[in-house]
Amino acid sequence: MRSIHLALFAEGPSDHRFLPTLLLRLTEELCRSARETVEVWPEVVSLHSPDGSLKAGHNRTTRICDSALSARQAWNLLFIHADGDSQPVEQYDQLVAPAIRALRAESRLAGSHRCIPVIPVRETESWMIADFDALCSIFRRNLENDPSDFGLDFWTKSPRRIEMVEDPKAILRAVARYGGRRSRADREIQRRLPAIADRARFSILRQLQAFTAVEEHLKTALRDLRILEA
């Protein structure tokens, strides 16, 4: 039996509460097609405490590499997150690629570890609101609420456009708040993020360009590690 251990380097507290569950589910699903039985360890290792000052440059790359190397015995697959801020290619080049290149060249990893970029087009909250029905059910809203009530007029016919929403945080907060206070909504969002990640349907998320990119990078990593067939 093969074992896979996951780790995550992400930008903020909300990312660390949402992405581990989502990425664990995705890895488990892909590993069901493995050539042999694969155990995906249920705990995703957080490689650092979120620090908003680590947005760019050498400092961020050093932090990613140092934390990844110090925990190298605890992971096989490292997801490295950065918000796309509407420029996902540029954000990848500046915030993720330098660390991936440095880790690939690290002899202590000896080819047994792989890195996967996670870069939403704007921010992770786009993925949190992508499955509107699941979101409403988490917050116990009437499922007959029209998505247009929250500025998502297009959702039923074209959920992929969720990546173009300028302020997905505001929509997430509006669904959570809906008749309540903002402070309470913010607390409820943080508490329920793992549940949102657990319930969001891949059939919806796979319509998002950035999510499918993560899945393809993950498949490549699993093939490189000889878990999936080439």
Foldseek 3Di string as FASTA:
>chain_A
DAEFAAEEEEAALLCVLAVLLLVLVLLVVVLVQWPDDYHYDSDYHYQDHHDNVLQWDDVLLVSVQVSCVVCVVRGQEYEYEDEQQQPVVVSCVTRPVVNQVVVVPDCVNVLRHHYFYQYQNGDCLLVLCLQVQQLLVLLVHDSPDQVVVLPPNCNVPQSQCSSVDPCSVSSQQCSQAVPHDSVVSVVSCSVCSSVSSNPRDVVRVVSHPSSVSRSVSSVVSCVSNNGHPD
